[in-house]
Amino acid sequence: MYIIVGLGNPGPEYAGTRHNVGFETVGILADRYGIATDYIRHKAVCGKGVIDREQVMLAMPQTYMNLSGESVRQLASFYKIDIPSELIIICDDVNLPPGRLRIRKSGSAGGHNGLKSIISCLGTDEFMRIRVGVGDKQGGRDLADHVLGHFSDSEQQIMDVAFRGAADAAVTIMKDGADAAMNRFNMAKKEADESD
């Protein structure tokens, strides 16, 4: 069984913000595969279903970003998953340009408080993550204001494509493995850049 966790902050005031790209992507997976995310367990809004013949739990922690690990630890423990091969985290990344995807099988939090919490609560950084670029803060803008801010209209068009791409990446991980997903999605933007 796979657990796909989209990181974000609960509440209407955070909907559509840069920090909530994980929620957006999980929402696309839920819609695409008819999985109702309509109950709260393990401190997360959850939905259980099937994607490409694989049992999947979709989850959006309701703990706020900095405590995301509490929910992820409960989910991983309850379902007794193999964390390195069955847990997929989807989150924003200010170090990537808007819309760029980067898939990793392990690594540091890279300054992301949600990932930092997950690594701390699980006691390992060996889990797959799909990082969705949201761009860096501009000028002297505060990082918190940036990640809790909304996309411009032009950025939103890019991000809508990125959310669908991140959903595709999660499915590719389940079907073909993380290496295949990394080869496909990590290189896609690089190749596009080189062709410009």
Protein backbone atom coordinates (compact mmCIF):
# COMPACT_ATOMS: atom_id res chain seq x y z
CA MET A 1 0.00 0.00 0.00
CA TYR A 2 1.19 3.48 -0.84
CA ILE A 3 0.59 6.56 1.28
CA ILE A 4 0.71 9.80 -0.70
CA VAL A 5 0.88 12.83 1.56
CA GLY A 6 0.38 16.33 0.23
CA LEU A 7 1.73 18.99 2.56
CA GLY A 8 -0.03 22.27 3.25
CA ASN A 9 -1.87 24.30 5.85
CA PRO A 10 -5.54 23.74 6.68
CA GLY A 11 -8.17 26.44 6.45
CA PRO A 12 -9.65 28.57 3.66
CA GLU A 13 -7.20 31.41 4.28
CA TYR A 14 -4.34 29.17 3.08
CA ALA A 15 -6.09 27.70 0.03
CA GLY A 16 -4.14 28.34 -3.16
CA THR A 17 -0.98 29.54 -1.42
CA ARG A 18 2.51 28.44 -2.43
CA HIS A 19 2.87 26.28 0.68
CA ASN A 20 -0.25 24.30 -0.27
CA VAL A 21 0.92 22.74 -3.52
CA GLY A 22 0.82 19.32 -1.85
CA PHE A 23 -2.88 19.73 -1.06
CA GLU A 24 -3.53 20.85 -4.64
CA THR A 25 -1.77 17.80 -6.09
CA VAL A 26 -3.54 15.34 -3.80
CA GLY A 27 -6.81 16.97 -4.82
CA ILE A 28 -6.01 16.28 -8.47
CA LEU A 29 -5.22 12.62 -7.70
CA ALA A 30 -8.45 12.30 -5.73
CA ASP A 31 -10.52 13.78 -8.58
CA ARG A 32 -8.73 11.84 -11.29
CA TYR A 33 -9.16 8.45 -9.61
CA GLY A 34 -12.49 9.01 -7.87
CA ILE A 35 -11.08 8.82 -4.34
CA ALA A 36 -13.21 10.65 -1.78
CA THR A 37 -11.06 12.55 0.73
CA ASP A 38 -13.86 12.95 3.21
CA TYR A 39 -12.76 11.81 6.64
CA ILE A 40 -10.16 12.76 9.23
CA ARG A 41 -7.84 10.15 10.69
CA HIS A 42 -4.28 10.36 11.99
CA LYS A 43 -4.50 14.17 12.07
CA ALA A 44 -5.13 14.28 8.31
CA VAL A 45 -7.94 14.54 5.80
CA CYS A 46 -7.79 11.10 4.20
CA GLY A 47 -9.16 9.08 1.33
CA LYS A 48 -8.52 5.44 0.50
CA GLY A 49 -8.77 4.03 -2.99
CA VAL A 50 -7.02 2.37 -5.90
CA ILE A 51 -4.66 3.92 -8.44
CA ASP A 52 -3.49 1.68 -11.26
CA ARG A 53 -4.33 -1.47 -9.26
CA GLU A 54 -2.39 -0.23 -6.22
CA GLN A 55 -4.05 0.40 -2.85
CA VAL A 56 -3.47 4.04 -1.97
CA MET A 57 -4.11 6.30 1.00
CA LEU A 58 -4.24 9.99 0.10
CA ALA A 59 -3.61 12.30 3.05
CA MET A 60 -3.48 16.03 3.75
CA PRO A 61 -2.19 16.69 7.30
CA GLN A 62 -4.26 19.15 9.31
CA THR A 63 -1.51 19.90 11.82
CA TYR A 64 -0.14 22.95 10.00
CA MET A 65 3.07 22.62 8.05
CA ASN A 66 5.57 22.71 10.90
CA LEU A 67 4.00 19.66 12.59
CA SER A 68 3.32 17.56 9.47
CA GLY A 69 5.51 14.76 10.79
CA GLU A 70 3.05 13.95 13.56
CA SER A 71 0.41 12.96 11.03
CA VAL A 72 2.85 11.16 8.72
CA ARG A 73 4.26 9.12 11.61
CA GLN A 74 0.77 8.04 12.67
CA LEU A 75 -0.17 7.06 9.11
CA ALA A 76 3.05 5.12 8.50
CA SER A 77 2.75 3.32 11.84
CA PHE A 78 -0.93 2.45 11.53
CA TYR A 79 -0.65 1.04 8.00
CA LYS A 80 2.76 -0.54 8.67
CA ILE A 81 4.18 0.61 5.37
CA ASP A 82 7.78 0.31 4.24
CA ILE A 83 8.69 4.00 4.48
CA PRO A 84 11.45 4.14 1.82
CA SER A 85 9.35 2.40 -0.84
CA GLU A 86 5.71 3.16 0.02
CA LEU A 87 5.63 6.74 1.34
CA ILE A 88 5.45 9.65 -1.13
CA ILE A 89 5.52 13.24 0.13
CA ILE A 90 4.50 16.14 -2.13
CA CYS A 91 5.60 19.65 -1.12
CA ASP A 92 6.60 23.09 -2.35
CA ASP A 93 10.20 24.12 -3.01
CA VAL A 94 11.32 27.76 -3.06
CA ASN A 95 14.69 26.75 -4.53
CA LEU A 96 13.08 25.63 -7.79
CA PRO A 97 11.50 27.93 -10.38
CA PRO A 98 7.69 27.87 -10.55
CA GLY A 99 6.45 24.63 -12.07
CA ARG A 100 9.76 22.73 -11.98
CA LEU A 101 9.53 19.25 -10.43
CA ARG A 102 12.27 17.43 -8.57
CA ILE A 103 11.90 13.89 -7.28
CA ARG A 104 14.25 12.46 -4.66
CA LYS A 105 14.38 9.17 -2.73
CA SER A 106 16.07 10.71 0.31
CA GLY A 107 17.89 13.80 1.47
CA SER A 108 17.79 16.75 3.81
CA ALA A 109 14.80 18.98 4.45
CA GLY A 110 16.44 21.74 2.41
CA GLY A 111 15.01 24.33 4.78
CA HIS A 112 11.43 23.07 4.37
CA ASN A 113 9.76 22.94 7.78
CA GLY A 114 7.26 20.27 6.77
CA LEU A 115 10.01 17.93 5.59
CA LYS A 116 12.05 18.80 8.67
CA SER A 117 9.16 17.70 10.88
CA ILE A 118 8.67 14.47 8.92
CA ILE A 119 12.36 13.56 9.09
CA SER A 120 12.37 14.26 12.83
CA CYS A 121 9.22 12.23 13.55
CA LEU A 122 10.15 9.27 11.34
CA GLY A 123 13.79 9.25 12.38
CA THR A 124 14.88 8.91 8.76
CA ASP A 125 15.19 10.95 5.58
CA GLU A 126 14.79 7.81 3.46
CA PHE A 127 11.42 8.52 1.87
CA MET A 128 10.38 9.63 -1.59
CA ARG A 129 9.42 13.22 -2.14
CA ILE A 130 8.10 15.19 -5.08
CA ARG A 131 9.15 18.80 -4.74
CA VAL A 132 7.17 21.34 -6.77
CA GLY A 133 8.93 24.60 -7.54
CA VAL A 134 7.18 27.77 -6.40
CA GLY A 135 10.03 30.24 -6.99
CA ASP A 136 12.11 32.15 -4.49
CA LYS A 137 11.09 35.26 -2.61
CA GLN A 138 11.75 38.53 -4.39
CA GLY A 139 13.83 41.37 -3.00
CA GLY A 140 13.59 41.82 0.74
CA ARG A 141 10.34 39.92 1.06
CA ASP A 142 10.00 37.65 4.10
CA LEU A 143 10.13 33.92 3.27
CA ALA A 144 7.02 33.18 5.36
CA ASP A 145 5.07 35.89 3.51
CA HIS A 146 6.27 34.41 0.22
CA VAL A 147 5.22 30.80 0.86
CA LEU A 148 1.92 31.91 2.38
CA GLY A 149 1.25 34.19 -0.57
CA HIS A 150 -0.72 33.42 -3.72
CA PHE A 151 0.51 32.89 -7.25
CA SER A 152 0.15 35.60 -9.86
CA ASP A 153 -2.22 34.84 -12.74
CA SER A 154 0.68 33.91 -15.02
CA GLU A 155 2.29 31.74 -12.32
CA GLN A 156 -1.03 30.02 -11.65
CA GLN A 157 -1.21 28.82 -15.25
CA ILE A 158 2.27 27.30 -14.89
CA MET A 159 1.39 25.77 -11.53
CA ASP A 160 -1.83 24.17 -12.79
CA VAL A 161 0.34 22.24 -15.26
CA ALA A 162 2.84 21.46 -12.49
CA PHE A 163 0.15 20.03 -10.20
CA ARG A 164 -0.95 17.65 -12.92
CA GLY A 165 2.69 16.77 -13.56
CA ALA A 166 3.30 16.09 -9.87
CA ALA A 167 0.23 13.82 -9.82
CA ASP A 168 1.61 12.00 -12.87
CA ALA A 169 4.97 11.68 -11.10
CA ALA A 170 3.34 10.02 -8.07
CA VAL A 171 1.60 7.50 -10.30
CA THR A 172 4.84 6.85 -12.19
CA ILE A 173 6.62 6.14 -8.90
CA MET A 174 3.99 3.54 -8.05
CA LYS A 175 3.96 1.94 -11.51
CA ASP A 176 7.59 2.10 -12.56
CA GLY A 177 9.60 3.07 -9.49
CA ALA A 178 11.28 6.23 -8.23
CA ASP A 179 14.26 5.97 -10.59
CA ALA A 180 11.99 5.94 -13.63
CA ALA A 181 10.05 8.91 -12.28
CA MET A 182 13.28 10.80 -11.59
CA ASN A 183 14.53 10.14 -15.11
CA ARG A 184 11.27 11.30 -16.62
CA PHE A 185 10.31 14.30 -14.50
CA ASN A 186 13.63 15.64 -13.21
CA MET A 187 15.00 15.78 -16.76
CA ALA A 188 11.88 17.08 -18.50
CA LYS A 189 12.40 20.72 -17.57
CA LYS A 190 16.15 20.57 -18.11
CA GLU A 191 15.62 19.29 -21.63
CA ALA A 192 13.02 21.98 -22.28
CA ASP A 193 15.44 24.64 -21.05
CA GLU A 194 18.20 23.34 -23.29
CA SER A 195 15.93 23.40 -26.34
CA ASP A 196 15.08 27.11 -25.85
